Amino acid sequence: EANGFRCVELESLSASEQLSIFAYAHKIIAVHGAGLAHLGFCRPETRVVELFNPHFVTDLYQRLSSEAGLHYRSVIGGHSNERLKTDDPREFDVSVERSQLEAAFQF
């Protein structure tokens, strides 16, 4: 937040509110998840950094970003051994160093 970002929990917002956030964002940092499907509503040139835990990485939103004319980077962070919901590796917590985020935005 000190760097101009706003923390948003998409699941607490209506679909139109979610789309509006993506449509007006200049930069997006997000952990891999279904909410990133809204990248298709971003303006071209929006900068996107997608965060992954090391046990699950996919290029799904990289491809969507490319089609939409977005600037995309991914960061593979560390993780704790705690899982959020299930044994699914996509559910691991993710930790990312500030320096990784800063480097990712050096487009």
PDB file of N, CA and C in Angstrom:
ATOM      1  N   GLU A   1       0.817  -1.200   0.000  1.00  0.00           N
ATOM      2  CA  GLU A   1       0.000   0.000   0.000  1.00  0.00           C
ATOM      3  C   GLU A   1       0.855   1.256   0.000  1.00  0.00           C
ATOM      4  N   ALA A   2       2.033   1.198   0.652  1.00  0.00           N
ATOM      5  CA  ALA A   2       2.914   2.363   0.683  1.00  0.00           C
ATOM      6  C   ALA A   2       3.430   2.711  -0.711  1.00  0.00           C
ATOM      7  N   ASN A   3       3.367   1.773  -1.628  1.00  0.00           N
ATOM      8  CA  ASN A   3       3.829   1.988  -3.005  1.00  0.00           C
ATOM      9  C   ASN A   3       2.686   2.214  -3.988  1.00  0.00           C
ATOM     10  N   GLY A   4       1.523   2.548  -3.477  1.00  0.00           N
ATOM     11  CA  GLY A   4       0.404   2.882  -4.344  1.00  0.00           C
ATOM     12  C   GLY A   4      -0.470   1.710  -4.736  1.00  0.00           C
ATOM     13  N   PHE A   5      -0.228   0.536  -4.171  1.00  0.00           N
ATOM     14  CA  PHE A   5      -1.073  -0.618  -4.468  1.00  0.00           C
ATOM     15  C   PHE A   5      -2.192  -0.697  -3.445  1.00  0.00           C
ATOM     16  N   ARG A   6      -3.275  -1.317  -3.863  1.00  0.00           N
ATOM     17  CA  ARG A   6      -4.423  -1.528  -2.984  1.00  0.00           C
ATOM     18  C   ARG A   6      -4.681  -3.021  -2.905  1.00  0.00           C
ATOM     19  N   CYS A   7      -4.844  -3.537  -1.714  1.00  0.00           N
ATOM     20  CA  CYS A   7      -5.139  -4.954  -1.525  1.00  0.00           C
ATOM     21  C   CYS A   7      -6.632  -5.167  -1.757  1.00  0.00           C
ATOM     22  N   VAL A   8      -6.951  -6.121  -2.634  1.00  0.00           N
ATOM     23  CA  VAL A   8      -8.342  -6.377  -2.994  1.00  0.00           C
ATOM     24  C   VAL A   8      -8.615  -7.868  -2.858  1.00  0.00           C
ATOM     25  N   GLU A   9      -9.718  -8.211  -2.213  1.00  0.00           N
ATOM     26  CA  GLU A   9     -10.168  -9.598  -2.144  1.00  0.00           C
ATOM     27  C   GLU A   9     -11.334  -9.725  -3.117  1.00  0.00           C
ATOM     28  N   LEU A  10     -11.052 -10.279  -4.281  1.00  0.00           N
ATOM     29  CA  LEU A  10     -12.065 -10.321  -5.339  1.00  0.00           C
ATOM     30  C   LEU A  10     -13.331 -11.045  -4.915  1.00  0.00           C
ATOM     31  N   GLU A  11     -13.194 -12.088  -4.104  1.00  0.00           N
ATOM     32  CA  GLU A  11     -14.374 -12.873  -3.739  1.00  0.00           C
ATOM     33  C   GLU A  11     -15.387 -12.066  -2.934  1.00  0.00           C
ATOM     34  N   SER A  12     -14.973 -10.921  -2.387  1.00  0.00           N
ATOM     35  CA  SER A  12     -15.909 -10.092  -1.623  1.00  0.00           C
ATOM     36  C   SER A  12     -16.589  -9.027  -2.484  1.00  0.00           C
ATOM     37  N   LEU A  13     -16.288  -9.013  -3.781  1.00  0.00           N
ATOM     38  CA  LEU A  13     -16.820  -7.987  -4.683  1.00  0.00           C
ATOM     39  C   LEU A  13     -17.766  -8.598  -5.715  1.00  0.00           C
ATOM     40  N   SER A  14     -18.638  -7.778  -6.243  1.00  0.00           N
ATOM     41  CA  SER A  14     -19.518  -8.230  -7.319  1.00  0.00           C
ATOM     42  C   SER A  14     -18.697  -8.396  -8.592  1.00  0.00           C
ATOM     43  N   ALA A  15     -19.250  -9.083  -9.558  1.00  0.00           N
ATOM     44  CA  ALA A  15     -18.560  -9.287 -10.831  1.00  0.00           C
ATOM     45  C   ALA A  15     -18.254  -7.951 -11.498  1.00  0.00           C
ATOM     46  N   SER A  16     -19.190  -7.016 -11.472  1.00  0.00           N
ATOM     47  CA  SER A  16     -18.952  -5.728 -12.121  1.00  0.00           C
ATOM     48  C   SER A  16     -17.863  -4.931 -11.396  1.00  0.00           C
ATOM     49  N   GLU A  17     -17.805  -5.038 -10.075  1.00  0.00           N
ATOM     50  CA  GLU A  17     -16.739  -4.367  -9.327  1.00  0.00           C
ATOM     51  C   GLU A  17     -15.373  -4.974  -9.669  1.00  0.00           C
ATOM     52  N   GLN A  18     -15.326  -6.284  -9.785  1.00  0.00           N
ATOM     53  CA  GLN A  18     -14.080  -6.956 -10.143  1.00  0.00           C
ATOM     54  C   GLN A  18     -13.594  -6.504 -11.516  1.00  0.00           C
ATOM     55  N   LEU A  19     -14.496  -6.499 -12.480  1.00  0.00           N
ATOM     56  CA  LEU A  19     -14.129  -6.097 -13.844  1.00  0.00           C
ATOM     57  C   LEU A  19     -13.664  -4.646 -13.886  1.00  0.00           C
ATOM     58  N   SER A  20     -14.310  -3.804 -13.123  1.00  0.00           N
ATOM     59  CA  SER A  20     -13.928  -2.396 -13.073  1.00  0.00           C
ATOM     60  C   SER A  20     -12.510  -2.222 -12.529  1.00  0.00           C
ATOM     61  N   ILE A  21     -12.178  -2.977 -11.508  1.00  0.00           N
ATOM     62  CA  ILE A  21     -10.822  -2.902 -10.942  1.00  0.00           C
ATOM     63  C   ILE A  21      -9.786  -3.256 -11.997  1.00  0.00           C
ATOM     64  N   PHE A  22     -10.013  -4.332 -12.716  1.00  0.00           N
ATOM     65  CA  PHE A  22      -9.058  -4.749 -13.740  1.00  0.00           C
ATOM     66  C   PHE A  22      -9.035  -3.762 -14.913  1.00  0.00           C
ATOM     67  N   ALA A  23     -10.173  -3.220 -15.271  1.00  0.00           N
ATOM     68  CA  ALA A  23     -10.241  -2.302 -16.408  1.00  0.00           C
ATOM     69  C   ALA A  23      -9.477  -1.009 -16.157  1.00  0.00           C
ATOM     70  N   TYR A  24      -9.377  -0.582 -14.907  1.00  0.00           N
ATOM     71  CA  TYR A  24      -8.730   0.690 -14.595  1.00  0.00           C
ATOM     72  C   TYR A  24      -7.344   0.547 -13.971  1.00  0.00           C
ATOM     73  N   ALA A  25      -6.914  -0.672 -13.705  1.00  0.00           N
ATOM     74  CA  ALA A  25      -5.605  -0.878 -13.074  1.00  0.00           C
ATOM     75  C   ALA A  25      -4.469  -0.595 -14.051  1.00  0.00           C
ATOM     76  N   HIS A  26      -3.400  -0.025 -13.541  1.00  0.00           N
ATOM     77  CA  HIS A  26      -2.180   0.181 -14.318  1.00  0.00           C
ATOM     78  C   HIS A  26      -1.185  -0.946 -14.052  1.00  0.00           C
ATOM     79  N   LYS A  27      -1.208  -1.440 -12.811  1.00  0.00           N
ATOM     80  CA  LYS A  27      -0.326  -2.527 -12.389  1.00  0.00           C
ATOM     81  C   LYS A  27      -1.139  -3.496 -11.536  1.00  0.00           C
ATOM     82  N   ILE A  28      -0.870  -4.784 -11.731  1.00  0.00           N
ATOM     83  CA  ILE A  28      -1.565  -5.817 -10.970  1.00  0.00           C
ATOM     84  C   ILE A  28      -0.529  -6.794 -10.444  1.00  0.00           C
ATOM     85  N   ILE A  29      -0.605  -7.083  -9.157  1.00  0.00           N
ATOM     86  CA  ILE A  29       0.177  -8.154  -8.545  1.00  0.00           C
ATOM     87  C   ILE A  29      -0.844  -9.119  -7.974  1.00  0.00           C
ATOM     88  N   ALA A  30      -0.755 -10.393  -8.346  1.00  0.00           N
ATOM     89  CA  ALA A  30      -1.739 -11.350  -7.855  1.00  0.00           C
ATOM     90  C   ALA A  30      -1.150 -12.745  -7.780  1.00  0.00           C
ATOM     91  N   VAL A  31      -1.588 -13.472  -6.785  1.00  0.00           N
ATOM     92  CA  VAL A  31      -1.272 -14.894  -6.697  1.00  0.00           C
ATOM     93  C   VAL A  31      -2.100 -15.603  -7.754  1.00  0.00           C
ATOM     94  N   HIS A  32      -1.520 -16.620  -8.393  1.00  0.00           N
ATOM     95  CA  HIS A  32      -2.233 -17.372  -9.417  1.00  0.00           C
ATOM     96  C   HIS A  32      -3.592 -17.818  -8.888  1.00  0.00           C
ATOM     97  N   GLY A  33      -4.625 -17.581  -9.688  1.00  0.00           N
ATOM     98  CA  GLY A  33      -5.965 -18.006  -9.323  1.00  0.00           C
ATOM     99  C   GLY A  33      -6.972 -17.556 -10.361  1.00  0.00           C
ATOM    100  N   ALA A  34      -8.195 -18.000 -10.180  1.00  0.00           N
ATOM    101  CA  ALA A  34      -9.249 -17.755 -11.163  1.00  0.00           C
ATOM    102  C   ALA A  34      -9.533 -16.274 -11.384  1.00  0.00           C
ATOM    103  N   GLY A  35      -9.300 -15.438 -10.388  1.00  0.00           N
ATOM    104  CA  GLY A  35      -9.560 -14.013 -10.534  1.00  0.00           C
ATOM    105  C   GLY A  35      -8.759 -13.380 -11.659  1.00  0.00           C
ATOM    106  N   LEU A  36      -7.626 -13.977 -12.000  1.00  0.00           N
ATOM    107  CA  LEU A  36      -6.816 -13.427 -13.081  1.00  0.00           C
ATOM    108  C   LEU A  36      -7.453 -13.612 -14.455  1.00  0.00           C
ATOM    109  N   ALA A  37      -8.539 -14.335 -14.539  1.00  0.00           N
ATOM    110  CA  ALA A  37      -9.266 -14.419 -15.808  1.00  0.00           C
ATOM    111  C   ALA A  37      -9.757 -13.039 -16.238  1.00  0.00           C
ATOM    112  N   HIS A  38      -9.863 -12.118 -15.281  1.00  0.00           N
ATOM    113  CA  HIS A  38     -10.283 -10.750 -15.585  1.00  0.00           C
ATOM    114  C   HIS A  38      -9.208  -9.966 -16.330  1.00  0.00           C
ATOM    115  N   LEU A  39      -8.025 -10.529 -16.503  1.00  0.00           N
ATOM    116  CA  LEU A  39      -6.978  -9.837 -17.257  1.00  0.00           C
ATOM    117  C   LEU A  39      -7.442  -9.480 -18.665  1.00  0.00           C
ATOM    118  N   GLY A  40      -8.370 -10.224 -19.181  1.00  0.00           N
ATOM    119  CA  GLY A  40      -8.905  -9.934 -20.507  1.00  0.00           C
ATOM    120  C   GLY A  40      -9.622  -8.590 -20.586  1.00  0.00           C
ATOM    121  N   PHE A  41      -9.919  -7.982 -19.439  1.00  0.00           N
ATOM    122  CA  PHE A  41     -10.601  -6.686 -19.408  1.00  0.00           C
ATOM    123  C   PHE A  41      -9.631  -5.529 -19.151  1.00  0.00           C
ATOM    124  N   CYS A  42      -8.351  -5.836 -18.990  1.00  0.00           N
ATOM    125  CA  CYS A  42      -7.354  -4.783 -18.758  1.00  0.00           C
ATOM    126  C   CYS A  42      -7.071  -4.006 -20.031  1.00  0.00           C
ATOM    127  N   ARG A  43      -6.623  -2.781 -19.851  1.00  0.00           N
ATOM    128  CA  ARG A  43      -6.188  -1.975 -20.986  1.00  0.00           C
ATOM    129  C   ARG A  43      -4.836  -2.488 -21.460  1.00  0.00           C
ATOM    130  N   PRO A  44      -4.577  -2.436 -22.756  1.00  0.00           N
ATOM    131  CA  PRO A  44      -3.246  -2.807 -23.245  1.00  0.00           C
ATOM    132  C   PRO A  44      -2.182  -2.012 -22.493  1.00  0.00           C
ATOM    133  N   GLU A  45      -1.045  -2.624 -22.314  1.00  0.00           N
ATOM    134  CA  GLU A  45       0.106  -2.045 -21.615  1.00  0.00           C
ATOM    135  C   GLU A  45       0.030  -2.170 -20.097  1.00  0.00           C
ATOM    136  N   THR A  46      -1.077  -2.678 -19.542  1.00  0.00           N
ATOM    137  CA  THR A  46      -1.131  -2.898 -18.094  1.00  0.00           C
ATOM    138  C   THR A  46      -0.016  -3.853 -17.709  1.00  0.00           C
ATOM    139  N   ARG A  47       0.620  -3.584 -16.586  1.00  0.00           N
ATOM    140  CA  ARG A  47       1.709  -4.438 -16.096  1.00  0.00           C
ATOM    141  C   ARG A  47       1.149  -5.442 -15.104  1.00  0.00           C
ATOM    142  N   VAL A  48       1.480  -6.708 -15.322  1.00  0.00           N
ATOM    143  CA  VAL A  48       0.945  -7.795 -14.516  1.00  0.00           C
ATOM    144  C   VAL A  48       2.098  -8.626 -13.958  1.00  0.00           C
ATOM    145  N   VAL A  49       2.055  -8.863 -12.653  1.00  0.00           N
ATOM    146  CA  VAL A  49       3.001  -9.781 -12.017  1.00  0.00           C
ATOM    147  C   VAL A  49       2.176 -10.854 -11.323  1.00  0.00           C
ATOM    148  N   GLU A  50       2.366 -12.080 -11.779  1.00  0.00           N
ATOM    149  CA  GLU A  50       1.641 -13.227 -11.220  1.00  0.00           C
ATOM    150  C   GLU A  50       2.586 -13.993 -10.303  1.00  0.00           C
ATOM    151  N   LEU A  51       2.102 -14.319  -9.112  1.00  0.00           N
ATOM    152  CA  LEU A  51       2.907 -15.012  -8.109  1.00  0.00           C
ATOM    153  C   LEU A  51       2.539 -16.488  -8.049  1.00  0.00           C
ATOM    154  N   PHE A  52       3.568 -17.324  -7.989  1.00  0.00           N
ATOM    155  CA  PHE A  52       3.374 -18.771  -7.901  1.00  0.00           C
ATOM    156  C   PHE A  52       4.140 -19.332  -6.717  1.00  0.00           C
ATOM    157  N   ASN A  53       3.644 -20.437  -6.173  1.00  0.00           N
ATOM    158  CA  ASN A  53       4.483 -21.206  -5.269  1.00  0.00           C
ATOM    159  C   ASN A  53       5.295 -22.158  -6.137  1.00  0.00           C
ATOM    160  N   PRO A  54       6.422 -22.667  -5.656  1.00  0.00           N
ATOM    161  CA  PRO A  54       7.286 -23.477  -6.519  1.00  0.00           C
ATOM    162  C   PRO A  54       6.719 -24.839  -6.910  1.00  0.00           C
ATOM    163  N   HIS A  55       5.594 -25.236  -6.325  1.00  0.00           N
ATOM    164  CA  HIS A  55       5.018 -26.541  -6.625  1.00  0.00           C
ATOM    165  C   HIS A  55       3.956 -26.501  -7.715  1.00  0.00           C
ATOM    166  N   PHE A  56       3.609 -25.292  -8.168  1.00  0.00           N
ATOM    167  CA  PHE A  56       2.603 -25.194  -9.216  1.00  0.00           C
ATOM    168  C   PHE A  56       2.852 -23.941 -10.041  1.00  0.00           C
ATOM    169  N   VAL A  57       3.202 -24.123 -11.299  1.00  0.00           N
ATOM    170  CA  VAL A  57       3.435 -23.012 -12.221  1.00  0.00           C
ATOM    171  C   VAL A  57       2.763 -23.360 -13.543  1.00  0.00           C
ATOM    172  N   THR A  58       2.074 -22.403 -14.116  1.00  0.00           N
ATOM    173  CA  THR A  58       1.404 -22.595 -15.395  1.00  0.00           C
ATOM    174  C   THR A  58       1.531 -21.311 -16.216  1.00  0.00           C
ATOM    175  N   ASP A  59       1.403 -21.434 -17.517  1.00  0.00           N
ATOM    176  CA  ASP A  59       1.512 -20.253 -18.379  1.00  0.00           C
ATOM    177  C   ASP A  59       0.149 -19.734 -18.852  1.00  0.00           C
ATOM    178  N   LEU A  60      -0.911 -20.175 -18.229  1.00  0.00           N
ATOM    179  CA  LEU A  60      -2.264 -19.807 -18.642  1.00  0.00           C
ATOM    180  C   LEU A  60      -2.447 -18.291 -18.744  1.00  0.00           C
ATOM    181  N   TYR A  61      -2.138 -17.572 -17.683  1.00  0.00           N
ATOM    182  CA  TYR A  61      -2.380 -16.129 -17.684  1.00  0.00           C
ATOM    183  C   TYR A  61      -1.275 -15.365 -18.413  1.00  0.00           C
ATOM    184  N   GLN A  62      -0.141 -15.984 -18.597  1.00  0.00           N
ATOM    185  CA  GLN A  62       0.882 -15.382 -19.455  1.00  0.00           C
ATOM    186  C   GLN A  62       0.362 -15.328 -20.890  1.00  0.00           C
ATOM    187  N   ARG A  63      -0.267 -16.421 -21.331  1.00  0.00           N
ATOM    188  CA  ARG A  63      -0.825 -16.460 -22.684  1.00  0.00           C
ATOM    189  C   ARG A  63      -1.970 -15.464 -22.840  1.00  0.00           C
ATOM    190  N   LEU A  64      -2.849 -15.386 -21.837  1.00  0.00           N
ATOM    191  CA  LEU A  64      -3.951 -14.422 -21.883  1.00  0.00           C
ATOM    192  C   LEU A  64      -3.409 -12.993 -21.933  1.00  0.00           C
ATOM    193  N   SER A  65      -2.383 -12.725 -21.129  1.00  0.00           N
ATOM    194  CA  SER A  65      -1.778 -11.388 -21.120  1.00  0.00           C
ATOM    195  C   SER A  65      -1.184 -11.044 -22.473  1.00  0.00           C
ATOM    196  N   SER A  66      -0.551 -12.010 -23.103  1.00  0.00           N
ATOM    197  CA  SER A  66       0.037 -11.780 -24.420  1.00  0.00           C
ATOM    198  C   SER A  66      -1.042 -11.427 -25.433  1.00  0.00           C
ATOM    199  N   GLU A  67      -2.135 -12.161 -25.411  1.00  0.00           N
ATOM    200  CA  GLU A  67      -3.247 -11.894 -26.336  1.00  0.00           C
ATOM    201  C   GLU A  67      -3.873 -10.523 -26.101  1.00  0.00           C
ATOM    202  N   ALA A  68      -3.871 -10.076 -24.835  1.00  0.00           N
ATOM    203  CA  ALA A  68      -4.506  -8.803 -24.487  1.00  0.00           C
ATOM    204  C   ALA A  68      -3.547  -7.616 -24.586  1.00  0.00           C
ATOM    205  N   GLY A  69      -2.288  -7.864 -24.941  1.00  0.00           N
ATOM    206  CA  GLY A  69      -1.317  -6.776 -25.067  1.00  0.00           C
ATOM    207  C   GLY A  69      -0.817  -6.244 -23.743  1.00  0.00           C
ATOM    208  N   LEU A  70      -0.781  -7.101 -22.729  1.00  0.00           N
ATOM    209  CA  LEU A  70      -0.324  -6.707 -21.403  1.00  0.00           C
ATOM    210  C   LEU A  70       1.158  -7.034 -21.234  1.00  0.00           C
ATOM    211  N   HIS A  71       1.807  -6.337 -20.302  1.00  0.00           N
ATOM    212  CA  HIS A  71       3.196  -6.640 -19.948  1.00  0.00           C
ATOM    213  C   HIS A  71       3.149  -7.601 -18.763  1.00  0.00           C
ATOM    214  N   TYR A  72       3.629  -8.810 -18.970  1.00  0.00           N
ATOM    215  CA  TYR A  72       3.478  -9.872 -17.977  1.00  0.00           C
ATOM    216  C   TYR A  72       4.830 -10.358 -17.467  1.00  0.00           C
ATOM    217  N   ARG A  73       4.899 -10.601 -16.178  1.00  0.00           N
ATOM    218  CA  ARG A  73       6.034 -11.277 -15.555  1.00  0.00           C
ATOM    219  C   ARG A  73       5.474 -12.232 -14.509  1.00  0.00           C
ATOM    220  N   SER A  74       6.206 -13.291 -14.248  1.00  0.00           N
ATOM    221  CA  SER A  74       5.833 -14.182 -13.155  1.00  0.00           C
ATOM    222  C   SER A  74       6.958 -14.224 -12.143  1.00  0.00           C
ATOM    223  N   VAL A  75       6.592 -14.496 -10.906  1.00  0.00           N
ATOM    224  CA  VAL A  75       7.556 -14.643  -9.823  1.00  0.00           C
ATOM    225  C   VAL A  75       7.234 -15.942  -9.112  1.00  0.00           C
ATOM    226  N   ILE A  76       8.228 -16.791  -9.003  1.00  0.00           N
ATOM    227  CA  ILE A  76       8.065 -18.033  -8.243  1.00  0.00           C
ATOM    228  C   ILE A  76       8.653 -17.785  -6.866  1.00  0.00           C
ATOM    229  N   GLY A  77       7.776 -17.736  -5.891  1.00  0.00           N
ATOM    230  CA  GLY A  77       8.191 -17.439  -4.533  1.00  0.00           C
ATOM    231  C   GLY A  77       8.524 -18.694  -3.762  1.00  0.00           C
ATOM    232  N   GLY A  78       8.779 -18.490  -2.504  1.00  0.00           N
ATOM    233  CA  GLY A  78       8.963 -19.616  -1.595  1.00  0.00           C
ATOM    234  C   GLY A  78       7.606 -19.991  -1.039  1.00  0.00           C
ATOM    235  N   HIS A  79       7.606 -20.907  -0.118  1.00  0.00           N
ATOM    236  CA  HIS A  79       6.337 -21.295   0.494  1.00  0.00           C
ATOM    237  C   HIS A  79       6.597 -21.832   1.881  1.00  0.00           C
ATOM    238  N   SER A  80       5.579 -21.814   2.687  1.00  0.00           N
ATOM    239  CA  SER A  80       5.634 -22.522   3.956  1.00  0.00           C
ATOM    240  C   SER A  80       5.139 -23.928   3.667  1.00  0.00           C
ATOM    241  N   ASN A  81       5.283 -24.811   4.586  1.00  0.00           N
ATOM    242  CA  ASN A  81       4.798 -26.177   4.378  1.00  0.00           C
ATOM    243  C   ASN A  81       3.318 -26.300   4.708  1.00  0.00           C
ATOM    244  N   GLU A  82       2.701 -25.191   5.058  1.00  0.00           N
ATOM    245  CA  GLU A  82       1.281 -25.228   5.371  1.00  0.00           C
ATOM    246  C   GLU A  82       0.463 -25.061   4.106  1.00  0.00           C
ATOM    247  N   ARG A  83      -0.601 -25.793   4.015  1.00  0.00           N
ATOM    248  CA  ARG A  83      -1.508 -25.688   2.877  1.00  0.00           C
ATOM    249  C   ARG A  83      -2.759 -24.972   3.333  1.00  0.00           C
ATOM    250  N   LEU A  84      -3.356 -24.237   2.427  1.00  0.00           N
ATOM    251  CA  LEU A  84      -4.528 -23.456   2.788  1.00  0.00           C
ATOM    252  C   LEU A  84      -5.781 -24.306   2.952  1.00  0.00           C
ATOM    253  N   LYS A  85      -6.028 -25.224   2.014  1.00  0.00           N
ATOM    254  CA  LYS A  85      -7.303 -25.937   2.037  1.00  0.00           C
ATOM    255  C   LYS A  85      -7.165 -27.443   1.863  1.00  0.00           C
ATOM    256  N   THR A  86      -6.331 -27.895   0.940  1.00  0.00           N
ATOM    257  CA  THR A  86      -6.289 -29.310   0.576  1.00  0.00           C
ATOM    258  C   THR A  86      -4.847 -29.745   0.355  1.00  0.00           C
ATOM    259  N   ASP A  87      -4.660 -30.944  -0.134  1.00  0.00           N
ATOM    260  CA  ASP A  87      -3.332 -31.427  -0.505  1.00  0.00           C
ATOM    261  C   ASP A  87      -2.940 -30.990  -1.912  1.00  0.00           C
ATOM    262  N   ASP A  88      -3.777 -30.226  -2.551  1.00  0.00           N
ATOM    263  CA  ASP A  88      -3.512 -29.716  -3.897  1.00  0.00           C
ATOM    264  C   ASP A  88      -2.336 -28.739  -3.833  1.00  0.00           C
ATOM    265  N   PRO A  89      -1.273 -28.945  -4.620  1.00  0.00           N
ATOM    266  CA  PRO A  89      -0.111 -28.050  -4.552  1.00  0.00           C
ATOM    267  C   PRO A  89      -0.423 -26.612  -4.925  1.00  0.00           C
ATOM    268  N   ARG A  90      -1.547 -26.367  -5.593  1.00  0.00           N
ATOM    269  CA  ARG A  90      -1.940 -24.990  -5.906  1.00  0.00           C
ATOM    270  C   ARG A  90      -2.388 -24.240  -4.665  1.00  0.00           C
ATOM    271  N   GLU A  91      -2.612 -24.949  -3.567  1.00  0.00           N
ATOM    272  CA  GLU A  91      -3.136 -24.333  -2.354  1.00  0.00           C
ATOM    273  C   GLU A  91      -2.056 -23.976  -1.334  1.00  0.00           C
ATOM    274  N   PHE A  92      -0.773 -24.158  -1.665  1.00  0.00           N
ATOM    275  CA  PHE A  92       0.289 -23.755  -0.748  1.00  0.00           C
ATOM    276  C   PHE A  92       0.290 -22.244  -0.571  1.00  0.00           C
ATOM    277  N   ASP A  93       0.623 -21.792   0.623  1.00  0.00           N
ATOM    278  CA  ASP A  93       0.890 -20.375   0.828  1.00  0.00           C
ATOM    279  C   ASP A  93       2.090 -19.982  -0.016  1.00  0.00           C
ATOM    280  N   VAL A  94       2.180 -18.716  -0.396  1.00  0.00           N
ATOM    281  CA  VAL A  94       3.291 -18.210  -1.195  1.00  0.00           C
ATOM    282  C   VAL A  94       3.921 -17.038  -0.464  1.00  0.00           C
ATOM    283  N   SER A  95       5.237 -17.014  -0.412  1.00  0.00           N
ATOM    284  CA  SER A  95       5.926 -15.844   0.134  1.00  0.00           C
ATOM    285  C   SER A  95       6.883 -15.321  -0.924  1.00  0.00           C
ATOM    286  N   VAL A  96       6.884 -14.008  -1.100  1.00  0.00           N
ATOM    287  CA  VAL A  96       7.699 -13.362  -2.119  1.00  0.00           C
ATOM    288  C   VAL A  96       8.440 -12.200  -1.467  1.00  0.00           C
ATOM    289  N   GLU A  97       9.705 -12.093  -1.753  1.00  0.00           N
ATOM    290  CA  GLU A  97      10.503 -10.987  -1.233  1.00  0.00           C
ATOM    291  C   GLU A  97      10.174  -9.704  -1.998  1.00  0.00           C
ATOM    292  N   ARG A  98      10.226  -8.605  -1.317  1.00  0.00           N
ATOM    293  CA  ARG A  98       9.971  -7.304  -1.948  1.00  0.00           C
ATOM    294  C   ARG A  98      10.896  -7.092  -3.145  1.00  0.00           C
ATOM    295  N   SER A  99      12.146  -7.506  -3.023  1.00  0.00           N
ATOM    296  CA  SER A  99      13.107  -7.329  -4.117  1.00  0.00           C
ATOM    297  C   SER A  99      12.684  -8.106  -5.367  1.00  0.00           C
ATOM    298  N   GLN A 100      12.013  -9.251  -5.186  1.00  0.00           N
ATOM    299  CA  GLN A 100      11.515 -10.015  -6.332  1.00  0.00           C
ATOM    300  C   GLN A 100      10.424  -9.230  -7.060  1.00  0.00           C
ATOM    301  N   LEU A 101       9.549  -8.591  -6.303  1.00  0.00           N
ATOM    302  CA  LEU A 101       8.486  -7.798  -6.920  1.00  0.00           C
ATOM    303  C   LEU A 101       9.054  -6.582  -7.638  1.00  0.00           C
ATOM    304  N   GLU A 102       9.996  -5.916  -7.000  1.00  0.00           N
ATOM    305  CA  GLU A 102      10.612  -4.747  -7.625  1.00  0.00           C
ATOM    306  C   GLU A 102      11.296  -5.133  -8.923  1.00  0.00           C
ATOM    307  N   ALA A 103      12.012  -6.250  -8.923  1.00  0.00           N
ATOM    308  CA  ALA A 103      12.688  -6.718 -10.131  1.00  0.00           C
ATOM    309  C   ALA A 103      11.674  -7.090 -11.216  1.00  0.00           C
ATOM    310  N   ALA A 104      10.567  -7.667 -10.819  1.00  0.00           N
ATOM    311  CA  ALA A 104       9.549  -8.088 -11.785  1.00  0.00           C
ATOM    312  C   ALA A 104       8.940  -6.895 -12.504  1.00  0.00           C
ATOM    313  N   PHE A 105       8.870  -5.751 -11.859  1.00  0.00           N
ATOM    314  CA  PHE A 105       8.276  -4.572 -12.478  1.00  0.00           C
ATOM    315  C   PHE A 105       9.284  -3.761 -13.304  1.00  0.00           C
ATOM    316  N   GLN A 106      10.487  -4.253 -13.460  1.00  0.00           N
ATOM    317  CA  GLN A 106      11.488  -3.574 -14.278  1.00  0.00           C
ATOM    318  C   GLN A 106      11.330  -4.024 -15.725  1.00  0.00           C
ATOM    319  N   PHE A 107      10.235  -3.656 -16.361  1.00  0.00           N
ATOM    320  CA  PHE A 107       9.939  -4.053 -17.734  1.00  0.00           C
ATOM    321  C   PHE A 107      10.796  -3.260 -18.685  1.00  0.00           C
TER     322      PHE A 107
END
